N, C-alpha and C. Protein backbone atom coordinates (compact mmCIF):
# COMPACT_ATOMS: atom_id res chain seq x y z
N UNK A 1 -66.37 27.13 -6.91
CA UNK A 1 -67.54 27.40 -6.10
C UNK A 1 -67.57 28.89 -5.80
N UNK A 2 -68.69 29.54 -5.98
CA UNK A 2 -68.74 30.97 -5.70
C UNK A 2 -69.67 31.23 -4.52
N UNK A 3 -69.49 32.38 -3.95
CA UNK A 3 -70.25 32.79 -2.78
C UNK A 3 -71.62 33.29 -3.23
N UNK A 4 -72.67 32.78 -2.62
CA UNK A 4 -74.01 33.31 -2.91
C UNK A 4 -74.24 34.48 -1.97
N UNK A 5 -74.42 35.63 -2.58
CA UNK A 5 -74.57 36.84 -1.79
C UNK A 5 -76.02 37.26 -1.72
N UNK A 6 -76.50 37.41 -0.49
CA UNK A 6 -77.85 37.92 -0.27
C UNK A 6 -77.70 39.32 0.34
N UNK A 7 -78.61 40.19 0.02
CA UNK A 7 -78.55 41.53 0.60
C UNK A 7 -78.64 41.37 2.14
N UNK A 8 -77.70 41.98 2.82
CA UNK A 8 -77.63 41.82 4.27
C UNK A 8 -78.45 42.89 5.00
N UNK A 9 -78.42 42.76 6.29
CA UNK A 9 -79.16 43.72 7.15
C UNK A 9 -78.22 44.70 7.84
N UNK A 10 -77.02 44.79 7.36
CA UNK A 10 -76.03 45.71 7.92
C UNK A 10 -75.52 46.60 6.78
N UNK A 11 -76.36 47.50 6.29
CA UNK A 11 -76.00 48.24 5.09
C UNK A 11 -74.66 48.96 5.10
N UNK A 12 -74.24 49.51 6.23
CA UNK A 12 -73.00 50.29 6.22
C UNK A 12 -72.05 49.91 7.36
N UNK A 13 -72.53 49.27 8.40
CA UNK A 13 -71.73 49.03 9.59
C UNK A 13 -70.36 48.42 9.36
N UNK A 14 -70.34 47.22 8.84
CA UNK A 14 -69.06 46.54 8.64
C UNK A 14 -68.29 47.15 7.50
N UNK A 15 -69.00 47.58 6.44
CA UNK A 15 -68.32 48.25 5.32
C UNK A 15 -67.58 49.48 5.82
N UNK A 16 -68.24 50.30 6.61
CA UNK A 16 -67.58 51.50 7.15
C UNK A 16 -66.39 51.14 8.02
N UNK A 17 -66.55 50.13 8.85
CA UNK A 17 -65.43 49.69 9.74
C UNK A 17 -64.26 49.21 8.91
N UNK A 18 -64.54 48.41 7.87
CA UNK A 18 -63.46 47.91 7.01
C UNK A 18 -62.74 49.05 6.30
N UNK A 19 -63.54 50.01 5.78
CA UNK A 19 -62.90 51.12 5.09
C UNK A 19 -62.06 51.97 6.02
N UNK A 20 -62.55 52.16 7.24
CA UNK A 20 -61.81 52.95 8.21
C UNK A 20 -60.51 52.25 8.62
N UNK A 21 -60.60 50.98 8.95
CA UNK A 21 -59.43 50.19 9.37
C UNK A 21 -58.39 50.02 8.26
N UNK A 22 -58.86 49.82 7.01
CA UNK A 22 -57.95 49.50 5.92
C UNK A 22 -57.50 50.74 5.13
N UNK A 23 -58.26 51.84 5.22
CA UNK A 23 -57.97 53.00 4.42
C UNK A 23 -58.31 52.84 2.97
N UNK A 24 -59.14 51.83 2.65
CA UNK A 24 -59.51 51.50 1.26
C UNK A 24 -60.96 51.91 1.06
N UNK A 25 -61.23 52.60 -0.07
CA UNK A 25 -62.60 52.96 -0.44
C UNK A 25 -63.14 51.86 -1.36
N UNK A 26 -64.00 51.01 -0.81
CA UNK A 26 -64.49 49.84 -1.54
C UNK A 26 -65.51 50.22 -2.60
N UNK A 27 -66.10 51.40 -2.52
CA UNK A 27 -67.04 51.81 -3.57
C UNK A 27 -66.33 52.07 -4.89
N UNK A 28 -65.00 52.15 -4.85
CA UNK A 28 -64.23 52.36 -6.09
C UNK A 28 -64.12 51.09 -6.93
N UNK A 29 -64.47 49.96 -6.32
CA UNK A 29 -64.35 48.68 -7.06
C UNK A 29 -65.26 48.64 -8.26
N UNK A 30 -64.72 48.28 -9.40
CA UNK A 30 -65.45 48.21 -10.68
C UNK A 30 -66.11 46.84 -10.90
N UNK A 31 -65.84 45.89 -10.02
CA UNK A 31 -66.32 44.52 -10.17
C UNK A 31 -65.88 43.90 -11.52
N UNK A 32 -64.67 44.21 -11.94
CA UNK A 32 -64.13 43.66 -13.17
C UNK A 32 -63.67 42.22 -12.96
N UNK A 33 -63.42 41.88 -11.71
CA UNK A 33 -63.01 40.52 -11.27
C UNK A 33 -61.62 40.12 -11.70
N UNK A 34 -60.79 41.08 -12.11
CA UNK A 34 -59.39 40.77 -12.39
C UNK A 34 -58.68 40.25 -11.18
N UNK A 35 -59.04 40.78 -10.02
CA UNK A 35 -58.44 40.34 -8.75
C UNK A 35 -58.68 38.86 -8.50
N UNK A 36 -59.81 38.40 -8.87
CA UNK A 36 -60.22 37.01 -8.58
C UNK A 36 -59.53 36.00 -9.48
N UNK A 37 -59.13 36.40 -10.66
CA UNK A 37 -58.52 35.49 -11.63
C UNK A 37 -57.23 34.88 -11.16
N UNK A 38 -56.45 35.62 -10.39
CA UNK A 38 -55.15 35.12 -9.96
C UNK A 38 -55.06 34.83 -8.48
N UNK A 39 -56.18 34.90 -7.77
CA UNK A 39 -56.14 34.72 -6.30
C UNK A 39 -55.90 33.25 -5.95
N UNK A 40 -54.75 32.97 -5.30
CA UNK A 40 -54.48 31.58 -4.92
C UNK A 40 -55.37 31.03 -3.82
N UNK A 41 -55.99 31.91 -3.05
CA UNK A 41 -56.87 31.47 -1.96
C UNK A 41 -58.31 31.25 -2.40
N UNK A 42 -58.70 31.83 -3.52
CA UNK A 42 -60.09 31.76 -3.95
C UNK A 42 -60.55 30.35 -4.19
N UNK A 43 -59.73 29.51 -4.78
CA UNK A 43 -60.12 28.15 -5.13
C UNK A 43 -60.42 27.35 -3.89
N UNK A 44 -59.53 27.42 -2.91
CA UNK A 44 -59.70 26.61 -1.69
C UNK A 44 -60.82 27.13 -0.76
N UNK A 45 -60.97 28.46 -0.75
CA UNK A 45 -61.90 29.05 0.22
C UNK A 45 -63.33 29.17 -0.30
N UNK A 46 -63.51 29.11 -1.62
CA UNK A 46 -64.84 29.22 -2.17
C UNK A 46 -65.31 30.66 -2.29
N UNK A 47 -64.43 31.62 -2.05
CA UNK A 47 -64.79 33.02 -2.15
C UNK A 47 -63.68 33.73 -2.91
N UNK A 48 -64.01 34.78 -3.62
CA UNK A 48 -63.02 35.55 -4.34
C UNK A 48 -62.98 36.99 -3.81
N UNK A 49 -61.88 37.71 -4.07
CA UNK A 49 -61.83 39.11 -3.60
C UNK A 49 -63.01 39.95 -4.10
N UNK A 50 -63.39 39.79 -5.35
CA UNK A 50 -64.53 40.56 -5.91
C UNK A 50 -65.82 40.23 -5.15
N UNK A 51 -66.04 38.96 -4.81
CA UNK A 51 -67.24 38.56 -4.07
C UNK A 51 -67.23 39.16 -2.66
N UNK A 52 -66.07 39.21 -2.06
CA UNK A 52 -65.95 39.78 -0.71
C UNK A 52 -66.37 41.24 -0.76
N UNK A 53 -65.83 41.99 -1.71
CA UNK A 53 -66.15 43.40 -1.84
C UNK A 53 -67.65 43.61 -2.11
N UNK A 54 -68.19 42.82 -3.01
CA UNK A 54 -69.63 42.94 -3.35
C UNK A 54 -70.50 42.66 -2.13
N UNK A 55 -70.15 41.63 -1.40
CA UNK A 55 -70.92 41.27 -0.18
C UNK A 55 -70.87 42.42 0.83
N UNK A 56 -69.70 43.03 1.00
CA UNK A 56 -69.59 44.15 1.92
C UNK A 56 -70.43 45.32 1.45
N UNK A 57 -70.43 45.56 0.16
CA UNK A 57 -71.21 46.66 -0.43
C UNK A 57 -72.73 46.41 -0.22
N UNK A 58 -73.13 45.15 -0.24
CA UNK A 58 -74.55 44.82 -0.09
C UNK A 58 -74.98 44.67 1.38
N UNK A 59 -74.05 44.93 2.31
CA UNK A 59 -74.41 44.87 3.72
C UNK A 59 -74.39 43.47 4.31
N UNK A 60 -73.73 42.53 3.63
CA UNK A 60 -73.62 41.15 4.11
C UNK A 60 -72.28 40.88 4.78
N UNK A 61 -71.76 41.89 5.46
CA UNK A 61 -70.46 41.77 6.09
C UNK A 61 -70.37 40.70 7.16
N UNK A 62 -71.45 40.48 7.92
CA UNK A 62 -71.42 39.46 8.95
C UNK A 62 -71.19 38.08 8.35
N UNK A 63 -71.75 37.83 7.18
CA UNK A 63 -71.54 36.56 6.48
C UNK A 63 -70.07 36.42 6.08
N UNK A 64 -69.44 37.52 5.64
CA UNK A 64 -68.07 37.49 5.18
C UNK A 64 -67.11 37.20 6.35
N UNK A 65 -67.38 37.76 7.51
CA UNK A 65 -66.50 37.59 8.68
C UNK A 65 -66.35 36.12 9.06
N UNK A 66 -67.29 35.31 8.67
CA UNK A 66 -67.27 33.90 9.02
C UNK A 66 -66.75 33.00 7.86
N UNK A 67 -66.23 33.59 6.81
CA UNK A 67 -65.74 32.86 5.67
C UNK A 67 -64.27 32.46 5.84
N UNK A 68 -63.92 31.32 5.20
CA UNK A 68 -62.53 30.84 5.28
C UNK A 68 -61.52 31.82 4.67
N UNK A 69 -61.91 32.51 3.62
CA UNK A 69 -60.95 33.36 2.92
C UNK A 69 -60.39 34.47 3.82
N UNK A 70 -61.13 34.86 4.83
CA UNK A 70 -60.63 35.86 5.76
C UNK A 70 -59.32 35.37 6.41
N UNK A 71 -59.23 34.06 6.67
CA UNK A 71 -58.06 33.50 7.33
C UNK A 71 -57.10 32.86 6.35
N UNK A 72 -57.54 32.50 5.17
CA UNK A 72 -56.63 31.82 4.21
C UNK A 72 -55.99 32.76 3.21
N UNK A 73 -56.41 34.01 3.19
CA UNK A 73 -55.80 35.00 2.29
C UNK A 73 -54.32 35.10 2.59
N UNK A 74 -53.50 34.98 1.56
CA UNK A 74 -52.04 34.97 1.73
C UNK A 74 -51.46 36.39 1.75
N UNK A 75 -52.26 37.39 1.48
CA UNK A 75 -51.77 38.78 1.39
C UNK A 75 -50.61 38.86 0.38
N UNK A 76 -50.75 38.09 -0.70
CA UNK A 76 -49.67 38.02 -1.71
C UNK A 76 -49.69 39.22 -2.66
N UNK A 77 -50.77 39.99 -2.64
CA UNK A 77 -50.93 41.21 -3.45
C UNK A 77 -51.14 40.94 -4.94
N UNK A 78 -51.45 39.70 -5.30
CA UNK A 78 -51.78 39.43 -6.70
C UNK A 78 -52.99 40.24 -7.11
N UNK A 79 -54.01 40.26 -6.25
CA UNK A 79 -55.22 41.02 -6.54
C UNK A 79 -54.92 42.51 -6.68
N UNK A 80 -54.07 43.03 -5.82
CA UNK A 80 -53.73 44.44 -5.84
C UNK A 80 -53.00 44.80 -7.12
N UNK A 81 -52.10 43.91 -7.55
CA UNK A 81 -51.32 44.20 -8.76
C UNK A 81 -52.22 44.13 -10.02
N UNK A 82 -53.29 43.40 -9.98
CA UNK A 82 -54.18 43.28 -11.13
C UNK A 82 -55.29 44.33 -11.13
N UNK A 83 -55.54 44.93 -10.01
CA UNK A 83 -56.69 45.85 -9.88
C UNK A 83 -56.46 47.16 -10.62
N UNK A 84 -57.34 47.55 -11.52
CA UNK A 84 -57.17 48.79 -12.26
C UNK A 84 -57.32 50.04 -11.40
N UNK A 85 -57.95 49.91 -10.21
CA UNK A 85 -58.14 51.06 -9.34
C UNK A 85 -57.34 50.90 -8.04
N UNK A 86 -56.43 49.88 -8.02
CA UNK A 86 -55.47 49.65 -6.94
C UNK A 86 -56.15 49.49 -5.57
N UNK A 87 -57.17 48.63 -5.49
CA UNK A 87 -57.77 48.32 -4.19
C UNK A 87 -56.86 47.32 -3.49
N UNK A 88 -56.45 47.67 -2.29
CA UNK A 88 -55.51 46.88 -1.51
C UNK A 88 -56.29 45.83 -0.71
N UNK A 89 -56.51 44.66 -1.30
CA UNK A 89 -57.30 43.63 -0.61
C UNK A 89 -56.57 43.05 0.59
N UNK A 90 -55.24 43.11 0.63
CA UNK A 90 -54.52 42.68 1.79
C UNK A 90 -54.92 43.47 3.03
N UNK A 91 -55.01 44.79 2.83
CA UNK A 91 -55.45 45.68 3.96
C UNK A 91 -56.90 45.39 4.32
N UNK A 92 -57.73 45.13 3.32
CA UNK A 92 -59.14 44.81 3.55
C UNK A 92 -59.23 43.51 4.36
N UNK A 93 -58.46 42.51 3.99
CA UNK A 93 -58.50 41.25 4.70
C UNK A 93 -57.97 41.41 6.12
N UNK A 94 -56.95 42.23 6.32
CA UNK A 94 -56.45 42.49 7.68
C UNK A 94 -57.56 43.12 8.52
N UNK A 95 -58.29 44.05 7.92
CA UNK A 95 -59.41 44.70 8.63
C UNK A 95 -60.50 43.68 8.99
N UNK A 96 -60.80 42.77 8.04
CA UNK A 96 -61.79 41.76 8.29
C UNK A 96 -61.35 40.80 9.41
N UNK A 97 -60.05 40.50 9.47
CA UNK A 97 -59.53 39.65 10.54
C UNK A 97 -59.70 40.32 11.87
N UNK A 98 -59.36 41.62 11.93
CA UNK A 98 -59.51 42.39 13.18
C UNK A 98 -60.96 42.36 13.66
N UNK A 99 -61.89 42.59 12.71
CA UNK A 99 -63.30 42.63 13.08
C UNK A 99 -63.79 41.24 13.48
N UNK A 100 -63.31 40.19 12.81
CA UNK A 100 -63.69 38.81 13.17
C UNK A 100 -63.24 38.47 14.57
N UNK A 101 -62.02 38.85 14.91
CA UNK A 101 -61.52 38.60 16.26
C UNK A 101 -62.34 39.35 17.28
N UNK A 102 -62.65 40.61 17.00
CA UNK A 102 -63.46 41.43 17.93
C UNK A 102 -64.85 40.82 18.16
N UNK A 103 -65.40 40.17 17.11
CA UNK A 103 -66.72 39.56 17.22
C UNK A 103 -66.66 38.11 17.71
N UNK A 104 -65.44 37.63 18.02
CA UNK A 104 -65.31 36.26 18.49
C UNK A 104 -65.44 35.22 17.40
N UNK A 105 -65.16 35.59 16.17
CA UNK A 105 -65.30 34.67 15.06
C UNK A 105 -63.97 34.13 14.56
N UNK A 106 -62.89 34.29 15.34
CA UNK A 106 -61.62 33.74 14.94
C UNK A 106 -61.73 32.23 14.84
N UNK A 107 -61.10 31.65 13.86
CA UNK A 107 -61.23 30.19 13.63
C UNK A 107 -60.43 29.42 14.67
N UNK A 108 -61.08 28.73 15.56
CA UNK A 108 -60.32 27.98 16.58
C UNK A 108 -59.54 26.81 16.01
N UNK A 109 -59.97 26.27 14.85
CA UNK A 109 -59.26 25.13 14.28
C UNK A 109 -58.00 25.55 13.54
N UNK A 110 -57.86 26.80 13.29
CA UNK A 110 -56.68 27.30 12.61
C UNK A 110 -55.84 28.14 13.57
N UNK A 111 -54.56 28.20 13.28
CA UNK A 111 -53.64 28.96 14.14
C UNK A 111 -53.23 30.28 13.52
N UNK A 112 -53.90 30.68 12.44
CA UNK A 112 -53.54 31.93 11.78
C UNK A 112 -53.67 33.15 12.70
N UNK A 113 -54.74 33.26 13.50
CA UNK A 113 -54.83 34.43 14.39
C UNK A 113 -53.66 34.47 15.37
N UNK A 114 -53.26 33.33 15.88
CA UNK A 114 -52.10 33.26 16.79
C UNK A 114 -50.86 33.73 16.08
N UNK A 115 -50.62 33.21 14.88
CA UNK A 115 -49.40 33.61 14.12
C UNK A 115 -49.40 35.08 13.81
N UNK A 116 -50.56 35.63 13.39
CA UNK A 116 -50.64 37.08 13.14
C UNK A 116 -50.28 37.87 14.38
N UNK A 117 -50.85 37.48 15.51
CA UNK A 117 -50.60 38.17 16.77
C UNK A 117 -49.12 38.10 17.15
N UNK A 118 -48.51 36.94 16.98
CA UNK A 118 -47.11 36.78 17.32
C UNK A 118 -46.18 37.58 16.41
N UNK A 119 -46.47 37.61 15.11
CA UNK A 119 -45.66 38.41 14.18
C UNK A 119 -45.78 39.89 14.54
N UNK A 120 -46.98 40.36 14.85
CA UNK A 120 -47.12 41.75 15.28
C UNK A 120 -46.37 42.03 16.58
N UNK A 121 -46.38 41.06 17.48
CA UNK A 121 -45.66 41.23 18.75
C UNK A 121 -44.16 41.34 18.52
N UNK A 122 -43.61 40.59 17.55
CA UNK A 122 -42.18 40.72 17.25
C UNK A 122 -41.88 42.09 16.64
N UNK A 123 -42.79 42.62 15.84
CA UNK A 123 -42.59 43.95 15.29
C UNK A 123 -42.63 44.98 16.42
N UNK A 124 -43.55 44.79 17.36
CA UNK A 124 -43.65 45.73 18.47
C UNK A 124 -42.36 45.68 19.32
N UNK A 125 -41.83 44.51 19.56
CA UNK A 125 -40.64 44.36 20.41
C UNK A 125 -39.34 44.78 19.72
N UNK A 126 -39.19 44.38 18.46
CA UNK A 126 -37.91 44.54 17.78
C UNK A 126 -37.90 45.60 16.68
N UNK A 127 -39.06 46.14 16.34
CA UNK A 127 -39.12 47.16 15.30
C UNK A 127 -39.29 46.58 13.92
N UNK A 128 -39.08 45.28 13.76
CA UNK A 128 -39.23 44.56 12.49
C UNK A 128 -39.66 43.15 12.83
N UNK A 129 -40.09 42.41 11.79
CA UNK A 129 -40.47 41.01 12.07
C UNK A 129 -39.22 40.21 12.41
N UNK A 130 -39.37 39.36 13.38
CA UNK A 130 -38.31 38.45 13.80
C UNK A 130 -38.90 37.04 13.69
N UNK A 131 -38.65 36.41 12.55
CA UNK A 131 -39.31 35.13 12.23
C UNK A 131 -39.03 34.04 13.26
N UNK A 132 -37.77 33.91 13.68
CA UNK A 132 -37.42 32.85 14.63
C UNK A 132 -38.13 33.09 15.95
N UNK A 133 -38.20 34.34 16.39
CA UNK A 133 -38.90 34.64 17.64
C UNK A 133 -40.37 34.29 17.57
N UNK A 134 -41.00 34.71 16.46
CA UNK A 134 -42.44 34.41 16.28
C UNK A 134 -42.64 32.91 16.18
N UNK A 135 -41.75 32.22 15.48
CA UNK A 135 -41.85 30.78 15.33
C UNK A 135 -41.71 30.06 16.66
N UNK A 136 -40.76 30.49 17.47
CA UNK A 136 -40.56 29.88 18.80
C UNK A 136 -41.79 30.05 19.67
N UNK A 137 -42.35 31.27 19.69
CA UNK A 137 -43.56 31.51 20.48
C UNK A 137 -44.74 30.72 19.92
N UNK A 138 -44.79 30.60 18.59
CA UNK A 138 -45.88 29.85 17.94
C UNK A 138 -45.79 28.38 18.34
N UNK A 139 -44.60 27.81 18.28
CA UNK A 139 -44.42 26.41 18.65
C UNK A 139 -44.79 26.18 20.10
N UNK A 140 -44.44 27.10 20.97
CA UNK A 140 -44.80 26.98 22.38
C UNK A 140 -46.33 27.11 22.56
N UNK A 141 -46.94 28.03 21.82
CA UNK A 141 -48.36 28.26 21.94
C UNK A 141 -49.21 27.12 21.39
N UNK A 142 -48.67 26.38 20.45
CA UNK A 142 -49.44 25.28 19.85
C UNK A 142 -48.95 23.91 20.30
N UNK A 143 -47.97 23.89 21.21
CA UNK A 143 -47.38 22.65 21.72
C UNK A 143 -46.90 21.72 20.61
N UNK A 144 -46.36 22.30 19.55
CA UNK A 144 -45.84 21.50 18.45
C UNK A 144 -44.34 21.73 18.35
N UNK A 145 -43.63 21.48 19.44
CA UNK A 145 -42.21 21.79 19.54
C UNK A 145 -41.35 21.14 18.50
N UNK A 146 -41.57 19.86 18.24
CA UNK A 146 -40.67 19.14 17.35
C UNK A 146 -41.15 19.02 15.92
N UNK A 147 -42.40 19.42 15.65
CA UNK A 147 -42.92 19.29 14.29
C UNK A 147 -42.12 20.23 13.39
N UNK A 148 -41.65 19.72 12.27
CA UNK A 148 -40.88 20.46 11.29
C UNK A 148 -39.50 20.85 11.76
N UNK A 149 -39.05 20.31 12.87
CA UNK A 149 -37.73 20.65 13.42
C UNK A 149 -36.60 20.29 12.45
N UNK A 150 -36.78 19.25 11.65
CA UNK A 150 -35.72 18.83 10.72
C UNK A 150 -35.46 19.88 9.64
N UNK A 151 -36.41 20.78 9.42
CA UNK A 151 -36.27 21.81 8.40
C UNK A 151 -35.42 23.01 8.85
N UNK A 152 -35.26 23.14 10.17
CA UNK A 152 -34.58 24.30 10.72
C UNK A 152 -33.14 24.46 10.24
N UNK A 153 -32.29 23.42 10.27
CA UNK A 153 -30.92 23.61 9.77
C UNK A 153 -30.85 24.11 8.33
N UNK A 154 -31.72 23.58 7.48
CA UNK A 154 -31.74 24.02 6.09
C UNK A 154 -32.14 25.50 5.96
N UNK A 155 -33.15 25.90 6.73
CA UNK A 155 -33.58 27.30 6.72
C UNK A 155 -32.44 28.20 7.19
N UNK A 156 -31.72 27.76 8.21
CA UNK A 156 -30.63 28.53 8.78
C UNK A 156 -29.48 28.66 7.81
N UNK A 157 -29.04 27.56 7.20
CA UNK A 157 -27.88 27.60 6.32
C UNK A 157 -28.17 28.32 5.00
N UNK A 158 -29.41 28.35 4.60
CA UNK A 158 -29.77 29.06 3.36
C UNK A 158 -30.10 30.52 3.61
N UNK A 159 -29.97 30.95 4.87
CA UNK A 159 -30.21 32.36 5.18
C UNK A 159 -31.68 32.75 5.16
N UNK A 160 -32.56 31.77 5.29
CA UNK A 160 -34.00 32.06 5.27
C UNK A 160 -34.55 32.48 6.62
N UNK A 161 -33.77 32.21 7.68
CA UNK A 161 -34.17 32.56 9.02
C UNK A 161 -32.94 32.99 9.77
N UNK A 162 -33.04 34.06 10.58
CA UNK A 162 -31.89 34.56 11.32
C UNK A 162 -32.00 34.16 12.80
N UNK A 163 -30.84 33.90 13.40
CA UNK A 163 -30.84 33.55 14.82
C UNK A 163 -31.14 34.75 15.70
N UNK A 164 -30.60 35.87 15.34
CA UNK A 164 -30.73 37.09 16.15
C UNK A 164 -31.82 38.01 15.58
N UNK A 165 -32.45 38.80 16.46
CA UNK A 165 -33.45 39.77 15.96
C UNK A 165 -32.82 40.79 15.06
N UNK A 166 -33.59 41.36 14.13
CA UNK A 166 -33.03 42.37 13.21
C UNK A 166 -32.69 43.65 13.93
N UNK A 167 -31.75 44.38 13.37
CA UNK A 167 -31.35 45.67 13.91
C UNK A 167 -31.68 46.76 12.88
N UNK A 168 -31.62 47.98 13.32
CA UNK A 168 -31.72 49.09 12.41
C UNK A 168 -33.06 49.80 12.39
N UNK A 169 -34.06 49.19 12.97
CA UNK A 169 -35.38 49.85 13.00
C UNK A 169 -35.43 50.84 14.16
N UNK A 170 -36.24 51.86 14.01
CA UNK A 170 -36.44 52.84 15.08
C UNK A 170 -37.48 52.27 16.04
N UNK A 171 -36.97 51.53 17.06
CA UNK A 171 -37.88 50.83 17.97
C UNK A 171 -38.81 51.78 18.72
N UNK A 172 -38.31 52.93 19.08
CA UNK A 172 -39.16 53.89 19.80
C UNK A 172 -40.32 54.35 18.92
N UNK A 173 -40.04 54.60 17.66
CA UNK A 173 -41.12 55.01 16.74
C UNK A 173 -42.14 53.90 16.58
N UNK A 174 -41.68 52.68 16.41
CA UNK A 174 -42.58 51.52 16.24
C UNK A 174 -43.42 51.36 17.48
N UNK A 175 -42.82 51.45 18.67
CA UNK A 175 -43.57 51.31 19.89
C UNK A 175 -44.61 52.42 20.02
N UNK A 176 -44.28 53.61 19.60
CA UNK A 176 -45.23 54.72 19.64
C UNK A 176 -46.40 54.46 18.71
N UNK A 177 -46.13 53.88 17.54
CA UNK A 177 -47.20 53.55 16.60
C UNK A 177 -48.13 52.51 17.25
N UNK A 178 -47.56 51.49 17.86
CA UNK A 178 -48.37 50.46 18.51
C UNK A 178 -49.19 51.06 19.66
N UNK A 179 -48.58 51.97 20.41
CA UNK A 179 -49.28 52.60 21.53
C UNK A 179 -50.46 53.41 21.00
N UNK A 180 -50.26 54.17 19.94
CA UNK A 180 -51.36 54.95 19.35
C UNK A 180 -52.43 54.04 18.77
N UNK A 181 -52.02 52.91 18.19
CA UNK A 181 -53.00 51.96 17.67
C UNK A 181 -53.81 51.36 18.80
N UNK A 182 -53.17 51.09 19.93
CA UNK A 182 -53.90 50.53 21.07
C UNK A 182 -54.91 51.51 21.61
N UNK A 183 -54.55 52.79 21.64
CA UNK A 183 -55.47 53.83 22.10
C UNK A 183 -56.68 53.93 21.17
N UNK A 184 -56.45 53.71 19.85
CA UNK A 184 -57.55 53.78 18.89
C UNK A 184 -58.33 52.46 18.83
N UNK A 185 -57.87 51.46 19.60
CA UNK A 185 -58.58 50.18 19.62
C UNK A 185 -58.29 49.31 18.44
N UNK A 186 -57.16 49.54 17.79
CA UNK A 186 -56.82 48.75 16.60
C UNK A 186 -55.83 47.65 16.87
N UNK A 187 -55.20 47.66 18.03
CA UNK A 187 -54.25 46.58 18.36
C UNK A 187 -54.42 46.21 19.79
């Protein structure tokens, strides 16, 4: 299923915001659709990376902010690795998520916005992602304390999750980055 794109009434607004937040120049897209061929989220969401870019270019950004792919994108970088002009769709999708949250379009039925916020919070606190910390806060925030609990010992013994927060990051630098982002209205 592909996205039907109609020329929107926001010729530059959302496109400019996405480019500013992501640092990606979307006009560089050749519309070759290589990105879409390997996108694992495109099948389930009904939208492809190339369609997202085209819709933004046509001023239909408001329609895109309400699409499933904004929240189901895995940021796996398959599209980025296939793109001949190296458009970073992960950064574009992050920008779209930020804009969707600001416009109140976060998906209430999904917990992806909560998980994104919690992972960023662990980076702010510890200087790096702390999966167990984010997971604990996520479980508390969704009241799903015991769901998937049987998987925890396996994750722990295989070294997939650490009990203690990571060390070695320059926490002061990371906190300064978050502080500057907050001043700019990005976090």
